[in-house]
PDB file of N, CA and C in Angstrom:
ATOM      1  N   ALA A   1     -24.797  -4.386 -21.059  1.00  0.00           N
ATOM      2  CA  ALA A   1     -24.738  -3.879 -19.727  1.00  0.00           C
ATOM      3  C   ALA A   1     -24.500  -4.852 -18.647  1.00  0.00           C
ATOM      4  N   ASN A   2     -25.073  -6.157 -18.879  1.00  0.00           N
ATOM      5  CA  ASN A   2     -24.979  -7.172 -17.954  1.00  0.00           C
ATOM      6  C   ASN A   2     -23.567  -7.802 -17.941  1.00  0.00           C
ATOM      7  N   ALA A   3     -22.928  -7.853 -19.152  1.00  0.00           N
ATOM      8  CA  ALA A   3     -21.561  -8.318 -19.271  1.00  0.00           C
ATOM      9  C   ALA A   3     -20.580  -7.292 -18.559  1.00  0.00           C
ATOM     10  N   GLU A   4     -20.976  -6.013 -18.789  1.00  0.00           N
ATOM     11  CA  GLU A   4     -20.084  -5.032 -18.142  1.00  0.00           C
ATOM     12  C   GLU A   4     -20.120  -5.135 -16.602  1.00  0.00           C
ATOM     13  N   ARG A   5     -21.259  -5.300 -16.060  1.00  0.00           N
ATOM     14  CA  ARG A   5     -21.348  -5.474 -14.576  1.00  0.00           C
ATOM     15  C   ARG A   5     -20.609  -6.806 -14.049  1.00  0.00           C
ATOM     16  N   CYS A   6     -20.726  -7.848 -14.886  1.00  0.00           N
ATOM     17  CA  CYS A   6     -20.017  -8.990 -14.548  1.00  0.00           C
ATOM     18  C   CYS A   6     -18.445  -8.883 -14.552  1.00  0.00           C
ATOM     19  N   LEU A   7     -18.048  -8.104 -15.628  1.00  0.00           N
ATOM     20  CA  LEU A   7     -16.650  -7.890 -15.611  1.00  0.00           C
ATOM     21  C   LEU A   7     -16.079  -6.965 -14.485  1.00  0.00           C
ATOM     22  N   GLN A   8     -16.958  -5.934 -14.147  1.00  0.00           N
ATOM     23  CA  GLN A   8     -16.630  -5.126 -13.040  1.00  0.00           C
ATOM     24  C   GLN A   8     -16.553  -5.808 -11.703  1.00  0.00           C
ATOM     25  N   LYS A   9     -17.492  -6.782 -11.578  1.00  0.00           N
ATOM     26  CA  LYS A   9     -17.468  -7.604 -10.206  1.00  0.00           C
ATOM     27  C   LYS A   9     -16.203  -8.479 -10.167  1.00  0.00           C
ATOM     28  N   ALA A  10     -15.788  -8.981 -11.330  1.00  0.00           N
ATOM     29  CA  ALA A  10     -14.605  -9.748 -11.421  1.00  0.00           C
ATOM     30  C   ALA A  10     -13.370  -8.900 -10.961  1.00  0.00           C
ATOM     31  N   GLU A  11     -13.330  -7.679 -11.686  1.00  0.00           N
ATOM     32  CA  GLU A  11     -12.168  -6.840 -11.233  1.00  0.00           C
ATOM     33  C   GLU A  11     -12.203  -6.505  -9.835  1.00  0.00           C
ATOM     34  N   LYS A  12     -13.428  -6.211  -9.236  1.00  0.00           N
ATOM     35  CA  LYS A  12     -13.438  -5.909  -7.711  1.00  0.00           C
ATOM     36  C   LYS A  12     -13.104  -7.054  -6.864  1.00  0.00           C
ATOM     37  N   ARG A  13     -13.412  -8.284  -7.257  1.00  0.00           N
ATOM     38  CA  ARG A  13     -13.007  -9.427  -6.508  1.00  0.00           C
ATOM     39  C   ARG A  13     -11.556  -9.552  -6.524  1.00  0.00           C
ATOM     40  N   LYS A  14     -10.831  -9.222  -7.609  1.00  0.00           N
ATOM     41  CA  LYS A  14      -9.431  -9.345  -7.697  1.00  0.00           C
ATOM     42  C   LYS A  14      -8.729  -8.376  -6.790  1.00  0.00           C
ATOM     43  N   PHE A  15      -9.377  -7.211  -6.586  1.00  0.00           N
ATOM     44  CA  PHE A  15      -8.845  -6.212  -5.599  1.00  0.00           C
ATOM     45  C   PHE A  15      -9.008  -6.595  -4.098  1.00  0.00           C
ATOM     46  N   THR A  16     -10.041  -7.386  -3.803  1.00  0.00           N
ATOM     47  CA  THR A  16     -10.410  -7.556  -2.465  1.00  0.00           C
ATOM     48  C   THR A  16     -10.304  -9.050  -1.913  1.00  0.00           C
ATOM     49  N   THR A  17     -10.049  -9.986  -2.746  1.00  0.00           N
ATOM     50  CA  THR A  17      -9.832 -11.392  -2.336  1.00  0.00           C
ATOM     51  C   THR A  17      -8.639 -12.038  -2.885  1.00  0.00           C
ATOM     52  N   MET A  18      -8.155 -13.013  -2.099  1.00  0.00           N
ATOM     53  CA  MET A  18      -6.995 -13.801  -2.678  1.00  0.00           C
ATOM     54  C   MET A  18      -7.385 -15.259  -2.642  1.00  0.00           C
ATOM     55  N   GLY A  19      -6.777 -15.997  -3.481  1.00  0.00           N
ATOM     56  CA  GLY A  19      -7.042 -17.439  -3.645  1.00  0.00           C
ATOM     57  C   GLY A  19      -6.546 -18.146  -2.396  1.00  0.00           C
ATOM     58  N   SER A  20      -6.892 -19.456  -2.189  1.00  0.00           N
ATOM     59  CA  SER A  20      -6.477 -20.126  -0.909  1.00  0.00           C
ATOM     60  C   SER A  20      -5.212 -20.808  -1.064  1.00  0.00           C
ATOM     61  N   CYS A  21      -4.534 -20.821  -2.360  1.00  0.00           N
ATOM     62  CA  CYS A  21      -3.289 -21.367  -2.526  1.00  0.00           C
ATOM     63  C   CYS A  21      -2.185 -20.401  -2.091  1.00  0.00           C
ATOM     64  N   THR A  22      -1.145 -20.974  -1.306  1.00  0.00           N
ATOM     65  CA  THR A  22      -0.055 -20.189  -0.996  1.00  0.00           C
ATOM     66  C   THR A  22       1.293 -20.843  -1.306  1.00  0.00           C
ATOM     67  N   VAL A  23       2.220 -20.039  -1.649  1.00  0.00           N
ATOM     68  CA  VAL A  23       3.521 -20.572  -1.980  1.00  0.00           C
ATOM     69  C   VAL A  23       4.386 -20.858  -0.750  1.00  0.00           C
ATOM     70  N   THR A  24       4.262 -19.952   0.191  1.00  0.00           N
ATOM     71  CA  THR A  24       4.989 -20.180   1.376  1.00  0.00           C
ATOM     72  C   THR A  24       4.081 -20.086   2.645  1.00  0.00           C
ATOM     73  N   THR A  25       4.564 -20.386   3.794  1.00  0.00           N
ATOM     74  CA  THR A  25       3.669 -20.286   5.031  1.00  0.00           C
ATOM     75  C   THR A  25       3.638 -18.809   5.481  1.00  0.00           C
ATOM     76  N   ASN A  26       4.542 -17.933   4.934  1.00  0.00           N
ATOM     77  CA  ASN A  26       4.446 -16.535   5.193  1.00  0.00           C
ATOM     78  C   ASN A  26       3.574 -15.753   4.280  1.00  0.00           C
ATOM     79  N   THR A  27       2.334 -15.681   4.683  1.00  0.00           N
ATOM     80  CA  THR A  27       1.242 -15.157   3.716  1.00  0.00           C
ATOM     81  C   THR A  27       0.922 -13.704   4.236  1.00  0.00           C
ATOM     82  N   MET A  28       0.497 -12.964   3.305  1.00  0.00           N
ATOM     83  CA  MET A  28      -0.009 -11.550   3.525  1.00  0.00           C
ATOM     84  C   MET A  28      -1.362 -11.442   2.993  1.00  0.00           C
ATOM     85  N   SER A  29      -2.108 -10.558   3.661  1.00  0.00           N
ATOM     86  CA  SER A  29      -3.516 -10.388   3.207  1.00  0.00           C
ATOM     87  C   SER A  29      -3.486  -9.598   1.868  1.00  0.00           C
ATOM     88  N   ARG A  30      -4.520  -9.548   1.188  1.00  0.00           N
ATOM     89  CA  ARG A  30      -4.579  -8.739   0.008  1.00  0.00           C
ATOM     90  C   ARG A  30      -4.375  -7.184   0.349  1.00  0.00           C
ATOM     91  N   GLU A  31      -4.991  -6.832   1.483  1.00  0.00           N
ATOM     92  CA  GLU A  31      -4.840  -5.407   1.857  1.00  0.00           C
ATOM     93  C   GLU A  31      -3.311  -5.148   2.122  1.00  0.00           C
ATOM     94  N   ASP A  32      -2.618  -6.087   2.794  1.00  0.00           N
ATOM     95  CA  ASP A  32      -1.138  -5.833   3.067  1.00  0.00           C
ATOM     96  C   ASP A  32      -0.504  -5.698   1.736  1.00  0.00           C
ATOM     97  N   VAL A  33      -0.785  -6.511   0.843  1.00  0.00           N
ATOM     98  CA  VAL A  33      -0.025  -6.472  -0.526  1.00  0.00           C
ATOM     99  C   VAL A  33      -0.234  -5.103  -1.090  1.00  0.00           C
ATOM    100  N   LEU A  34      -1.542  -4.704  -1.148  1.00  0.00           N
ATOM    101  CA  LEU A  34      -1.910  -3.497  -1.804  1.00  0.00           C
ATOM    102  C   LEU A  34      -1.356  -2.260  -1.123  1.00  0.00           C
ATOM    103  N   ARG A  35      -1.301  -2.296   0.325  1.00  0.00           N
ATOM    104  CA  ARG A  35      -0.568  -1.301   1.080  1.00  0.00           C
ATOM    105  C   ARG A  35       0.812  -1.163   0.783  1.00  0.00           C
ATOM    106  N   THR A  36       1.486  -2.299   0.656  1.00  0.00           N
ATOM    107  CA  THR A  36       2.924  -2.250   0.245  1.00  0.00           C
ATOM    108  C   THR A  36       3.138  -1.727  -1.022  1.00  0.00           C
ATOM    109  N   LEU A  37       2.390  -2.222  -2.081  1.00  0.00           N
ATOM    110  CA  LEU A  37       2.572  -1.712  -3.435  1.00  0.00           C
ATOM    111  C   LEU A  37       2.348  -0.094  -3.506  1.00  0.00           C
ATOM    112  N   HIS A  38       1.221   0.333  -2.835  1.00  0.00           N
ATOM    113  CA  HIS A  38       0.884   1.775  -2.824  1.00  0.00           C
ATOM    114  C   HIS A  38       1.896   2.508  -2.163  1.00  0.00           C
ATOM    115  N   SER A  39       2.559   2.069  -1.016  1.00  0.00           N
ATOM    116  CA  SER A  39       3.564   2.891  -0.426  1.00  0.00           C
ATOM    117  C   SER A  39       4.792   2.933  -1.343  1.00  0.00           C
ATOM    118  N   ASP A  40       5.054   1.899  -2.169  1.00  0.00           N
ATOM    119  CA  ASP A  40       6.151   1.976  -3.066  1.00  0.00           C
ATOM    120  C   ASP A  40       5.805   2.599  -4.334  1.00  0.00           C
ATOM    121  N   ALA A  41       4.715   3.325  -4.419  1.00  0.00           N
ATOM    122  CA  ALA A  41       4.209   3.998  -5.604  1.00  0.00           C
ATOM    123  C   ALA A  41       4.173   3.091  -6.851  1.00  0.00           C
ATOM    124  N   LYS A  42       3.607   1.963  -6.581  1.00  0.00           N
ATOM    125  CA  LYS A  42       3.388   0.963  -7.721  1.00  0.00           C
ATOM    126  C   LYS A  42       1.881   0.840  -8.011  1.00  0.00           C
ATOM    127  N   HIS A  43       1.586   0.662  -9.200  1.00  0.00           N
ATOM    128  CA  HIS A  43       0.107   0.463  -9.639  1.00  0.00           C
ATOM    129  C   HIS A  43      -0.029  -0.931 -10.018  1.00  0.00           C
ATOM    130  N   LEU A  44      -1.131  -1.533  -9.374  1.00  0.00           N
ATOM    131  CA  LEU A  44      -1.519  -2.943  -9.742  1.00  0.00           C
ATOM    132  C   LEU A  44      -2.932  -2.782 -10.446  1.00  0.00           C
ATOM    133  N   GLN A  45      -2.923  -3.258 -11.621  1.00  0.00           N
ATOM    134  CA  GLN A  45      -4.184  -3.066 -12.366  1.00  0.00           C
ATOM    135  C   GLN A  45      -4.764  -4.561 -12.516  1.00  0.00           C
ATOM    136  N   MET A  46      -6.034  -4.646 -11.944  1.00  0.00           N
ATOM    137  CA  MET A  46      -6.717  -5.931 -12.095  1.00  0.00           C
ATOM    138  C   MET A  46      -7.537  -6.005 -13.293  1.00  0.00           C
ATOM    139  N   TRP A  47      -7.323  -6.865 -14.188  1.00  0.00           N
ATOM    140  CA  TRP A  47      -7.979  -6.995 -15.474  1.00  0.00           C
ATOM    141  C   TRP A  47      -8.966  -8.119 -15.493  1.00  0.00           C
ATOM    142  N   ALA A  48     -10.083  -7.986 -16.171  1.00  0.00           N
ATOM    143  CA  ALA A  48     -10.955  -9.126 -16.373  1.00  0.00           C
ATOM    144  C   ALA A  48     -11.282  -9.169 -17.906  1.00  0.00           C
ATOM    145  N   ILE A  49     -11.226 -10.466 -18.367  1.00  0.00           N
ATOM    146  CA  ILE A  49     -11.593 -10.682 -19.800  1.00  0.00           C
ATOM    147  C   ILE A  49     -12.730 -11.628 -19.845  1.00  0.00           C
ATOM    148  N   TYR A  50     -13.907 -11.320 -20.469  1.00  0.00           N
ATOM    149  CA  TYR A  50     -15.038 -12.240 -20.671  1.00  0.00           C
ATOM    150  C   TYR A  50     -14.699 -13.300 -21.545  1.00  0.00           C
ATOM    151  N   PRO A  51     -15.251 -14.560 -21.193  1.00  0.00           N
ATOM    152  CA  PRO A  51     -14.903 -15.758 -22.116  1.00  0.00           C
ATOM    153  C   PRO A  51     -15.094 -15.554 -23.544  1.00  0.00           C
ATOM    154  N   TYR A  52     -16.034 -14.721 -23.988  1.00  0.00           N
ATOM    155  CA  TYR A  52     -16.335 -14.427 -25.354  1.00  0.00           C
ATOM    156  C   TYR A  52     -15.478 -13.289 -25.898  1.00  0.00           C
ATOM    157  N   GLY A  53     -14.629 -12.815 -25.154  1.00  0.00           N
ATOM    158  CA  GLY A  53     -13.686 -11.745 -25.678  1.00  0.00           C
ATOM    159  C   GLY A  53     -13.887 -10.364 -25.195  1.00  0.00           C
ATOM    160  N   GLY A  54     -14.847 -10.052 -24.374  1.00  0.00           N
ATOM    161  CA  GLY A  54     -15.069  -8.789 -23.794  1.00  0.00           C
ATOM    162  C   GLY A  54     -13.993  -8.418 -22.895  1.00  0.00           C
ATOM    163  N   LEU A  55     -13.680  -7.143 -22.802  1.00  0.00           N
ATOM    164  CA  LEU A  55     -12.529  -6.590 -21.934  1.00  0.00           C
ATOM    165  C   LEU A  55     -13.185  -5.882 -20.765  1.00  0.00           C
ATOM    166  N   GLY A  56     -12.649  -5.999 -19.696  1.00  0.00           N
ATOM    167  CA  GLY A  56     -13.141  -5.366 -18.463  1.00  0.00           C
ATOM    168  C   GLY A  56     -12.807  -3.939 -18.529  1.00  0.00           C
ATOM    169  N   PRO A  57     -13.490  -3.045 -17.724  1.00  0.00           N
ATOM    170  CA  PRO A  57     -13.202  -1.599 -17.762  1.00  0.00           C
ATOM    171  C   PRO A  57     -11.665  -1.178 -17.639  1.00  0.00           C
ATOM    172  N   MET A  58     -10.974  -1.831 -16.693  1.00  0.00           N
ATOM    173  CA  MET A  58      -9.689  -1.508 -16.398  1.00  0.00           C
ATOM    174  C   MET A  58      -8.747  -1.764 -17.528  1.00  0.00           C
ATOM    175  N   LEU A  59      -8.933  -2.873 -18.303  1.00  0.00           N
ATOM    176  CA  LEU A  59      -8.235  -3.383 -19.430  1.00  0.00           C
ATOM    177  C   LEU A  59      -8.490  -2.393 -20.544  1.00  0.00           C
ATOM    178  N   ARG A  60      -9.820  -2.092 -20.689  1.00  0.00           N
ATOM    179  CA  ARG A  60     -10.059  -1.113 -21.827  1.00  0.00           C
ATOM    180  C   ARG A  60      -9.461   0.287 -21.591  1.00  0.00           C
ATOM    181  N   ARG A  61      -9.342   0.725 -20.264  1.00  0.00           N
ATOM    182  CA  ARG A  61      -8.660   1.956 -19.996  1.00  0.00           C
ATOM    183  C   ARG A  61      -7.179   1.786 -20.221  1.00  0.00           C
ATOM    184  N   PHE A  62      -6.490   0.771 -20.048  1.00  0.00           N
ATOM    185  CA  PHE A  62      -5.089   0.510 -20.253  1.00  0.00           C
ATOM    186  C   PHE A  62      -4.822   0.602 -21.650  1.00  0.00           C
ATOM    187  N   LEU A  63      -5.599  -0.217 -22.492  1.00  0.00           N
ATOM    188  CA  LEU A  63      -5.403  -0.373 -23.906  1.00  0.00           C
ATOM    189  C   LEU A  63      -5.892   0.852 -24.542  1.00  0.00           C
ATOM    190  N   PHE A  64      -7.016   1.411 -24.438  1.00  0.00           N
ATOM    191  CA  PHE A  64      -7.655   2.367 -25.211  1.00  0.00           C
ATOM    192  C   PHE A  64      -7.811   3.770 -24.569  1.00  0.00           C
ATOM    193  N   GLY A  65      -7.617   3.806 -23.260  1.00  0.00           N
ATOM    194  CA  GLY A  65      -7.884   5.048 -22.510  1.00  0.00           C
ATOM    195  C   GLY A  65      -9.263   5.366 -22.096  1.00  0.00           C
ATOM    196  N   ASP A  66     -10.173   4.326 -22.302  1.00  0.00           N
ATOM    197  CA  ASP A  66     -11.599   4.577 -21.937  1.00  0.00           C
ATOM    198  C   ASP A  66     -11.726   4.604 -20.399  1.00  0.00           C
ATOM    199  N   ASP A  67     -12.601   5.525 -19.980  1.00  0.00           N
ATOM    200  CA  ASP A  67     -13.006   5.482 -18.455  1.00  0.00           C
ATOM    201  C   ASP A  67     -13.965   4.513 -18.229  1.00  0.00           C
ATOM    202  N   PRO A  68     -14.084   3.956 -17.028  1.00  0.00           N
ATOM    203  CA  PRO A  68     -15.171   3.112 -16.791  1.00  0.00           C
ATOM    204  C   PRO A  68     -16.522   3.801 -16.705  1.00  0.00           C
ATOM    205  N   ILE A  69     -17.535   3.015 -17.158  1.00  0.00           N
ATOM    206  CA  ILE A  69     -18.888   3.743 -17.156  1.00  0.00           C
ATOM    207  C   ILE A  69     -19.315   3.984 -15.713  1.00  0.00           C
ATOM    208  N   GLN A  70     -19.067   3.031 -14.905  1.00  0.00           N
ATOM    209  CA  GLN A  70     -19.554   3.176 -13.323  1.00  0.00           C
ATOM    210  C   GLN A  70     -18.252   2.797 -12.629  1.00  0.00           C
ATOM    211  N   PRO A  71     -17.684   3.765 -11.853  1.00  0.00           N
ATOM    212  CA  PRO A  71     -16.411   3.341 -11.096  1.00  0.00           C
ATOM    213  C   PRO A  71     -16.906   2.387  -9.978  1.00  0.00           C
ATOM    214  N   LEU A  72     -15.904   1.591  -9.532  1.00  0.00           N
ATOM    215  CA  LEU A  72     -16.018   0.672  -8.521  1.00  0.00           C
ATOM    216  C   LEU A  72     -16.139   1.400  -7.110  1.00  0.00           C
ATOM    217  N   SER A  73     -16.771   0.833  -6.174  1.00  0.00           N
ATOM    218  CA  SER A  73     -16.781   1.266  -4.787  1.00  0.00           C
ATOM    219  C   SER A  73     -16.412   0.143  -3.886  1.00  0.00           C
ATOM    220  N   PHE A  74     -15.769   0.498  -2.823  1.00  0.00           N
ATOM    221  CA  PHE A  74     -15.273  -0.553  -1.912  1.00  0.00           C
ATOM    222  C   PHE A  74     -15.783  -0.289  -0.564  1.00  0.00           C
ATOM    223  N   SER A  75     -15.806  -1.252   0.366  1.00  0.00           N
ATOM    224  CA  SER A  75     -16.269  -1.095   1.712  1.00  0.00           C
ATOM    225  C   SER A  75     -15.207  -0.398   2.559  1.00  0.00           C
ATOM    226  N   ALA A  76     -15.535   0.119   3.649  1.00  0.00           N
ATOM    227  CA  ALA A  76     -14.619   0.847   4.490  1.00  0.00           C
ATOM    228  C   ALA A  76     -13.390  -0.020   4.961  1.00  0.00           C
ATOM    229  N   ASN A  77     -13.660  -1.523   5.111  1.00  0.00           N
ATOM    230  CA  ASN A  77     -12.713  -2.379   5.602  1.00  0.00           C
ATOM    231  C   ASN A  77     -11.676  -2.648   4.426  1.00  0.00           C
ATOM    232  N   LYS A  78     -11.763  -2.131   3.356  1.00  0.00           N
ATOM    233  CA  LYS A  78     -10.887  -2.387   2.188  1.00  0.00           C
ATOM    234  C   LYS A  78     -10.208  -0.985   1.726  1.00  0.00           C
ATOM    235  N   PRO A  79      -9.549  -0.219   2.631  1.00  0.00           N
ATOM    236  CA  PRO A  79      -9.139   1.041   2.249  1.00  0.00           C
ATOM    237  C   PRO A  79      -7.933   1.019   1.251  1.00  0.00           C
ATOM    238  N   HIS A  80      -7.129   0.009   1.162  1.00  0.00           N
ATOM    239  CA  HIS A  80      -5.956  -0.128   0.272  1.00  0.00           C
ATOM    240  C   HIS A  80      -6.429  -0.527  -1.082  1.00  0.00           C
ATOM    241  N   ALA A  81      -7.387  -1.457  -1.024  1.00  0.00           N
ATOM    242  CA  ALA A  81      -8.038  -1.740  -2.373  1.00  0.00           C
ATOM    243  C   ALA A  81      -8.596  -0.501  -3.077  1.00  0.00           C
ATOM    244  N   ALA A  82      -9.327   0.356  -2.258  1.00  0.00           N
ATOM    245  CA  ALA A  82      -9.886   1.455  -2.832  1.00  0.00           C
ATOM    246  C   ALA A  82      -8.783   2.470  -3.403  1.00  0.00           C
ATOM    247  N   LYS A  83      -7.719   2.588  -2.633  1.00  0.00           N
ATOM    248  CA  LYS A  83      -6.574   3.460  -2.904  1.00  0.00           C
ATOM    249  C   LYS A  83      -6.030   2.966  -4.245  1.00  0.00           C
ATOM    250  N   MET A  84      -5.597   1.672  -4.351  1.00  0.00           N
ATOM    251  CA  MET A  84      -4.967   1.039  -5.474  1.00  0.00           C
ATOM    252  C   MET A  84      -5.949   1.234  -6.720  1.00  0.00           C
ATOM    253  N   TYR A  85      -7.291   1.018  -6.596  1.00  0.00           N
ATOM    254  CA  TYR A  85      -8.235   1.300  -7.659  1.00  0.00           C
ATOM    255  C   TYR A  85      -8.151   2.623  -8.187  1.00  0.00           C
ATOM    256  N   ARG A  86      -8.290   3.679  -7.227  1.00  0.00           N
ATOM    257  CA  ARG A  86      -8.247   5.092  -7.564  1.00  0.00           C
ATOM    258  C   ARG A  86      -6.984   5.428  -8.231  1.00  0.00           C
ATOM    259  N   GLY A  87      -5.869   4.867  -7.766  1.00  0.00           N
ATOM    260  CA  GLY A  87      -4.550   5.117  -8.287  1.00  0.00           C
ATOM    261  C   GLY A  87      -4.426   4.592  -9.678  1.00  0.00           C
ATOM    262  N   SER A  88      -5.056   3.507 -10.062  1.00  0.00           N
ATOM    263  CA  SER A  88      -5.074   2.937 -11.322  1.00  0.00           C
ATOM    264  C   SER A  88      -5.829   3.677 -12.263  1.00  0.00           C
ATOM    265  N   LEU A  89      -6.657   4.620 -11.839  1.00  0.00           N
ATOM    266  CA  LEU A  89      -7.429   5.489 -12.814  1.00  0.00           C
ATOM    267  C   LEU A  89      -6.782   6.830 -12.943  1.00  0.00           C
ATOM    268  N   GLN A  90      -5.736   7.120 -12.177  1.00  0.00           N
ATOM    269  CA  GLN A  90      -5.089   8.362 -12.328  1.00  0.00           C
ATOM    270  C   GLN A  90      -4.359   8.523 -13.572  1.00  0.00           C
ATOM    271  N   SER A  91      -4.039   9.820 -13.992  1.00  0.00           N
ATOM    272  CA  SER A  91      -3.408  10.023 -15.281  1.00  0.00           C
ATOM    273  C   SER A  91      -1.926   9.484 -15.206  1.00  0.00           C
ATOM    274  N   THR A  92      -1.359   9.343 -14.019  1.00  0.00           N
ATOM    275  CA  THR A  92      -0.051   8.823 -13.885  1.00  0.00           C
ATOM    276  C   THR A  92       0.081   7.238 -14.225  1.00  0.00           C
ATOM    277  N   ALA A  93      -1.088   6.599 -14.033  1.00  0.00           N
ATOM    278  CA  ALA A  93      -1.124   5.145 -14.344  1.00  0.00           C
ATOM    279  C   ALA A  93      -1.051   4.960 -15.894  1.00  0.00           C
ATOM    280  N   PRO A  94      -0.497   3.936 -16.280  1.00  0.00           N
ATOM    281  CA  PRO A  94      -0.468   3.607 -17.717  1.00  0.00           C
ATOM    282  C   PRO A  94      -1.988   3.462 -18.338  1.00  0.00           C
ATOM    283  N   HIS A  95      -2.110   4.204 -19.312  1.00  0.00           N
ATOM    284  CA  HIS A  95      -3.418   4.056 -20.120  1.00  0.00           C
ATOM    285  C   HIS A  95      -3.378   4.574 -21.469  1.00  0.00           C
ATOM    286  N   GLY A  96      -4.272   4.050 -22.339  1.00  0.00           N
ATOM    287  CA  GLY A  96      -4.232   4.449 -23.751  1.00  0.00           C
ATOM    288  C   GLY A  96      -3.109   4.050 -24.490  1.00  0.00           C
ATOM    289  N   ILE A  97      -2.500   2.914 -24.267  1.00  0.00           N
ATOM    290  CA  ILE A  97      -1.422   2.513 -24.935  1.00  0.00           C
ATOM    291  C   ILE A  97      -1.546   2.234 -26.421  1.00  0.00           C
ATOM    292  N   ARG A  98      -2.742   1.724 -26.875  1.00  0.00           N
ATOM    293  CA  ARG A  98      -2.956   1.464 -28.218  1.00  0.00           C
ATOM    294  C   ARG A  98      -2.955   2.811 -29.062  1.00  0.00           C
ATOM    295  N   PRO A  99      -3.650   3.739 -28.681  1.00  0.00           N
ATOM    296  CA  PRO A  99      -3.493   5.135 -29.413  1.00  0.00           C
ATOM    297  C   PRO A  99      -2.123   5.542 -29.523  1.00  0.00           C
ATOM    298  N   LEU A 100      -1.383   5.389 -28.201  1.00  0.00           N
ATOM    299  CA  LEU A 100      -0.102   5.947 -28.345  1.00  0.00           C
ATOM    300  C   LEU A 100       0.843   5.150 -29.359  1.00  0.00           C
ATOM    301  N   ALA A 101       0.665   3.798 -29.279  1.00  0.00           N
ATOM    302  CA  ALA A 101       1.476   2.949 -30.202  1.00  0.00           C
ATOM    303  C   ALA A 101       1.054   3.366 -31.649  1.00  0.00           C
ATOM    304  N   ASN A 102      -0.167   3.609 -31.912  1.00  0.00           N
ATOM    305  CA  ASN A 102      -0.604   4.054 -33.331  1.00  0.00           C
ATOM    306  C   ASN A 102       0.058   5.296 -33.736  1.00  0.00           C
ATOM    307  N   SER A 103       0.065   6.314 -32.884  1.00  0.00           N
ATOM    308  CA  SER A 103       0.800   7.649 -33.209  1.00  0.00           C
ATOM    309  C   SER A 103       2.228   7.422 -33.240  1.00  0.00           C
ATOM    310  N   SER A 104       2.823   6.564 -32.578  1.00  0.00           N
ATOM    311  CA  SER A 104       4.320   6.290 -32.663  1.00  0.00           C
ATOM    312  C   SER A 104       4.717   5.480 -33.879  1.00  0.00           C
ATOM    313  N   TRP A 105       3.839   4.589 -34.333  1.00  0.00           N
ATOM    314  CA  TRP A 105       4.093   3.825 -35.492  1.00  0.00           C
ATOM    315  C   TRP A 105       3.885   4.575 -36.816  1.00  0.00           C
ATOM    316  N   SER A 106       3.015   5.572 -36.597  1.00  0.00           N
ATOM    317  CA  SER A 106       2.645   6.416 -37.899  1.00  0.00           C
ATOM    318  C   SER A 106       3.903   7.159 -38.417  1.00  0.00           C
ATOM    319  N   THR A 107       4.917   7.292 -37.518  1.00  0.00           N
ATOM    320  CA  THR A 107       6.150   7.977 -37.974  1.00  0.00           C
ATOM    321  C   THR A 107       6.866   6.919 -38.944  1.00  0.00           C
ATOM    322  N   TYR A 108       6.717   5.680 -38.692  1.00  0.00           N
ATOM    323  CA  TYR A 108       7.490   4.679 -39.492  1.00  0.00           C
ATOM    324  C   TYR A 108       6.613   3.919 -40.591  1.00  0.00           C
ATOM    325  N   VAL A 109       5.303   3.769 -40.255  1.00  0.00           N
ATOM    326  CA  VAL A 109       4.493   3.110 -41.208  1.00  0.00           C
ATOM    327  C   VAL A 109       3.256   3.956 -41.510  1.00  0.00           C
ATOM    328  N   GLU A 110       3.184   4.141 -42.927  1.00  0.00           N
ATOM    329  CA  GLU A 110       1.937   4.982 -43.240  1.00  0.00           C
ATOM    330  C   GLU A 110       0.599   4.336 -42.778  1.00  0.00           C
ATOM    331  N   GLY A 111      -0.199   5.114 -42.164  1.00  0.00           N
ATOM    332  CA  GLY A 111      -1.428   4.563 -41.485  1.00  0.00           C
ATOM    333  C   GLY A 111      -1.282   4.095 -40.051  1.00  0.00           C
ATOM    334  N   GLY A 112       0.066   4.118 -39.539  1.00  0.00           N
ATOM    335  CA  GLY A 112       0.195   3.751 -38.237  1.00  0.00           C
ATOM    336  C   GLY A 112       0.140   2.255 -37.870  1.00  0.00           C
ATOM    337  N   TYR A 113      -0.036   2.010 -36.690  1.00  0.00           N
ATOM    338  CA  TYR A 113      -0.216   0.671 -36.121  1.00  0.00           C
ATOM    339  C   TYR A 113      -1.304  -0.124 -36.876  1.00  0.00           C
ATOM    340  N   ASN A 114      -2.427   0.556 -37.062  1.00  0.00           N
ATOM    341  CA  ASN A 114      -3.650  -0.174 -37.626  1.00  0.00           C
ATOM    342  C   ASN A 114      -3.211  -0.701 -39.018  1.00  0.00           C
ATOM    343  N   ALA A 115      -2.317  -0.092 -39.758  1.00  0.00           N
ATOM    344  CA  ALA A 115      -2.056  -0.496 -41.112  1.00  0.00           C
ATOM    345  C   ALA A 115      -1.028  -1.641 -41.190  1.00  0.00           C
ATOM    346  N   ALA A 116      -0.232  -1.877 -40.096  1.00  0.00           N
ATOM    347  CA  ALA A 116       0.739  -2.841 -40.134  1.00  0.00           C
ATOM    348  C   ALA A 116       0.178  -4.313 -40.081  1.00  0.00           C
TER     349      ALA A 116
END
């Protein structure tokens, strides 16, 4: 449970903060980036991986289709982070690719992806 909270905090930080390094002098805030992506109907999934191999809730959703145990919440001054996070949890966002790959592979390989 503690590792899960740590991974979720890492995912939330990725939605709400940006590093201090910039490539150009024309910088955008994280909210501006997320607003632009959202208006272009793009999904940005922020993944966290624990040093010992644990996967964050968003990565587990992408790979296995698992829903997060506790959804993230964002402050009112981060509306685009909240929109992007909610959009990443919608059925239109990529999720459950491993079971999908397994069912696709089972057409070609007996036992599916797991047997390969």
